[in-house]
Amino acid sequence: MSVPDFVLELRRHVGTAPLWLAGATAVIRDPHGARVLLVRRADNGWWTPVTGIVDPGEHPAEAAVREAREEAAVRIRVDRVASIGVSRMVTYDNGDRAQYLDHTFACTYLDGDPHPADGENTDVRWFEVDDLPEMRPHMLARLEAGLADEERARIELTTESAESGTGHCG
């Protein structure tokens, strides 16, 4: 997976110590809302929405647009914040540790020929909303939030911090 230059620079100073990073997830629907665009990750083979790390000074919604272009070669419109959540601590094969504040956005596909554009994914494909591939629970929760016709963003609480599960913001 491609590691942003600013993370590589941080790693020079902190080694494998945990980093707190902002992430963006783009749940991309076709204009009719019947299909969703997913990518198959090169590092683990799982299907996910488009995801990525927010660059310093970048708005998370702009990161979602950028990641959709870089990873799947598509242009999208961000429609709304769908959920905000915190990932579990991730330990990578090289020992680096990170935890992510994820901003999930409901997005609409505008144009482009979807394909793996940057080597981070091995496949990009449209799936019917009612016929999704197997996905990890945290990614499925992001996808469900992005596909829901809700006016308010979901607050995805981790098991450690949740008393009542998922809440709503706004």
Protein backbone atom coordinates (compact mmCIF):
# COMPACT_ATOMS: atom_id res chain seq x y z
CA MET A 1 0.00 0.00 0.00
CA SER A 2 1.18 3.49 -0.75
CA VAL A 3 2.21 5.39 2.37
CA PRO A 4 1.91 9.20 2.16
CA ASP A 5 5.19 11.10 2.35
CA PHE A 6 4.14 12.93 5.53
CA VAL A 7 3.62 9.58 7.30
CA LEU A 8 7.04 8.37 6.17
CA GLU A 9 8.56 11.58 7.57
CA LEU A 10 6.74 11.10 10.89
CA ARG A 11 7.97 7.51 11.05
CA ARG A 12 11.58 8.76 10.78
CA HIS A 13 11.00 10.52 14.12
CA VAL A 14 8.65 8.20 16.02
CA GLY A 15 9.56 4.81 14.64
CA THR A 16 6.73 2.31 15.03
CA ALA A 17 4.96 4.25 17.82
CA PRO A 18 1.19 4.61 17.33
CA LEU A 19 0.09 7.42 15.02
CA TRP A 20 -3.35 9.05 15.16
CA LEU A 21 -4.34 9.70 11.54
CA ALA A 22 -7.41 11.06 9.77
CA GLY A 23 -8.99 8.83 7.14
CA ALA A 24 -11.68 9.24 4.52
CA THR A 25 -14.03 6.63 3.08
CA ALA A 26 -16.05 7.26 -0.09
CA VAL A 27 -19.21 5.16 -0.44
CA ILE A 28 -19.85 5.70 -4.15
CA ARG A 29 -23.31 5.01 -5.58
CA ASP A 30 -24.30 5.13 -9.21
CA PRO A 31 -26.65 8.04 -10.06
CA HIS A 32 -29.70 5.73 -9.72
CA GLY A 33 -28.58 4.45 -6.31
CA ALA A 34 -28.89 0.76 -7.24
CA ARG A 35 -25.17 -0.04 -7.34
CA VAL A 36 -22.10 0.75 -5.25
CA LEU A 37 -18.49 0.91 -6.41
CA LEU A 38 -16.06 -1.24 -4.40
CA VAL A 39 -12.33 -1.92 -4.64
CA ARG A 40 -10.45 -5.13 -3.85
CA ARG A 41 -7.43 -4.23 -1.75
CA ALA A 42 -4.05 -5.47 -2.98
CA ASP A 43 -2.68 -5.95 0.55
CA ASN A 44 -5.36 -8.26 1.96
CA GLY A 45 -7.81 -9.09 -0.85
CA TRP A 46 -10.87 -7.69 0.94
CA TRP A 47 -13.56 -5.70 -0.85
CA THR A 48 -14.04 -2.20 0.59
CA PRO A 49 -15.32 1.22 -0.37
CA VAL A 50 -12.58 3.59 -1.52
CA THR A 51 -10.52 4.65 1.53
CA GLY A 52 -7.43 6.69 2.22
CA ILE A 53 -5.45 8.91 4.55
CA VAL A 54 -6.26 12.62 4.72
CA ASP A 55 -3.21 14.74 3.88
CA PRO A 56 -2.17 17.56 6.24
CA GLY A 57 -4.39 20.61 5.64
CA GLU A 58 -6.75 18.66 3.37
CA HIS A 59 -10.48 18.60 4.06
CA PRO A 60 -11.66 14.99 4.56
CA ALA A 61 -14.30 15.40 1.80
CA GLU A 62 -11.58 16.54 -0.61
CA ALA A 63 -9.56 13.48 0.40
CA ALA A 64 -12.52 11.25 -0.53
CA VAL A 65 -12.71 12.89 -3.97
CA ARG A 66 -8.93 12.57 -4.44
CA GLU A 67 -8.84 8.93 -3.34
CA ALA A 68 -11.69 8.01 -5.72
CA ARG A 69 -9.74 9.57 -8.60
CA GLU A 70 -6.38 8.04 -7.56
CA GLU A 71 -7.59 4.54 -6.67
CA ALA A 72 -10.53 3.94 -9.01
CA ALA A 73 -10.12 6.59 -11.77
CA VAL A 74 -13.59 8.02 -11.18
CA ARG A 75 -14.93 11.50 -10.50
CA ILE A 76 -17.45 11.76 -7.67
CA ARG A 77 -19.60 14.24 -5.81
CA VAL A 78 -19.63 14.16 -2.01
CA ASP A 79 -23.25 14.39 -0.89
CA ARG A 80 -23.07 14.19 2.90
CA VAL A 81 -21.15 12.97 5.92
CA ALA A 82 -22.49 9.48 6.58
CA SER A 83 -20.55 8.50 9.70
CA ILE A 84 -17.61 9.32 11.90
CA GLY A 85 -15.77 6.52 13.64
CA VAL A 86 -12.49 5.40 15.15
CA SER A 87 -10.71 2.29 13.94
CA ARG A 88 -9.09 -0.25 16.19
CA MET A 89 -5.32 0.04 16.56
CA VAL A 90 -3.76 -1.38 13.39
CA THR A 91 -0.34 -3.05 13.49
CA TYR A 92 1.24 -3.44 10.07
CA ASP A 93 3.64 -6.22 9.05
CA ASN A 94 6.63 -3.90 9.57
CA GLY A 95 5.53 -3.13 13.16
CA ASP A 96 4.14 0.35 12.46
CA ARG A 97 1.02 1.10 14.48
CA ALA A 98 -1.78 3.53 13.64
CA GLN A 99 -5.33 4.34 14.60
CA TYR A 100 -7.68 6.24 12.30
CA LEU A 101 -10.43 8.81 12.77
CA ASP A 102 -12.56 7.83 9.78
CA HIS A 103 -14.89 10.22 7.96
CA THR A 104 -17.29 8.23 5.79
CA PHE A 105 -19.05 10.12 3.01
CA ALA A 106 -22.09 9.23 0.89
CA CYS A 107 -20.99 10.00 -2.67
CA THR A 108 -22.42 9.92 -6.19
CA TYR A 109 -20.49 8.70 -9.24
CA LEU A 110 -20.19 11.37 -11.93
CA ASP A 111 -17.93 9.88 -14.60
CA GLY A 112 -14.82 7.87 -15.40
CA ASP A 113 -14.01 4.31 -16.38
CA PRO A 114 -13.56 2.49 -13.04
CA HIS A 115 -10.34 0.50 -12.86
CA PRO A 116 -7.45 -0.07 -10.41
CA ALA A 117 -5.52 3.14 -11.08
CA ASP A 118 -2.66 3.25 -8.58
CA GLY A 119 -1.66 -0.28 -7.60
CA GLU A 120 -3.38 -0.18 -4.19
CA ASN A 121 -6.22 -2.36 -5.51
CA THR A 122 -6.44 -5.36 -7.80
CA ASP A 123 -10.05 -4.83 -8.92
CA VAL A 124 -12.72 -2.15 -9.05
CA ARG A 125 -16.29 -3.26 -9.62
CA TRP A 126 -19.91 -2.17 -9.37
CA PHE A 127 -22.09 -4.29 -7.07
CA GLU A 128 -25.84 -4.30 -6.72
CA VAL A 129 -26.68 -2.82 -3.30
CA ASP A 130 -28.61 -5.99 -2.40
CA ASP A 131 -25.86 -8.37 -3.63
CA LEU A 132 -22.60 -7.32 -1.95
CA PRO A 133 -19.44 -9.42 -1.60
CA GLU A 134 -18.24 -10.59 1.81
CA MET A 135 -16.80 -7.65 3.72
CA ARG A 136 -15.26 -7.05 7.13
CA PRO A 137 -17.80 -5.77 9.68
CA HIS A 138 -16.26 -2.29 10.11
CA MET A 139 -16.23 -1.72 6.34
CA LEU A 140 -19.78 -3.05 6.02
CA ALA A 141 -20.86 -0.56 8.72
CA ARG A 142 -19.30 2.28 6.72
CA LEU A 143 -20.98 1.05 3.56
CA GLU A 144 -24.37 0.78 5.26
CA ALA A 145 -24.03 4.33 6.64
CA GLY A 146 -23.15 5.65 3.20
CA LEU A 147 -26.07 3.86 1.55
CA ALA A 148 -28.64 4.88 4.18
CA ASP A 149 -31.03 7.68 3.34
CA GLU A 150 -30.41 9.44 6.63
CA GLU A 151 -30.12 13.17 7.17
CA ARG A 152 -27.75 12.92 10.12
CA ALA A 153 -24.32 11.34 10.31
CA ARG A 154 -23.86 8.17 12.33
CA ILE A 155 -21.38 8.15 15.16
CA GLU A 156 -19.77 4.70 15.05
CA LEU A 157 -18.61 3.94 18.58
CA THR A 158 -16.07 1.24 19.32
CA THR A 159 -17.04 -1.55 21.69
CA GLU A 160 -14.75 -0.13 24.34
CA SER A 161 -16.44 3.29 24.33
CA ALA A 162 -20.00 2.39 23.39
CA GLU A 163 -22.71 2.21 26.00
CA SER A 164 -25.60 2.12 23.59
CA GLY A 165 -24.01 1.25 20.24
CA THR A 166 -24.40 3.61 17.30
CA GLY A 167 -25.60 7.15 17.82
CA HIS A 168 -26.48 10.02 15.52
CA CYS A 169 -24.92 13.45 15.27
CA GLY A 170 -26.96 16.58 14.71
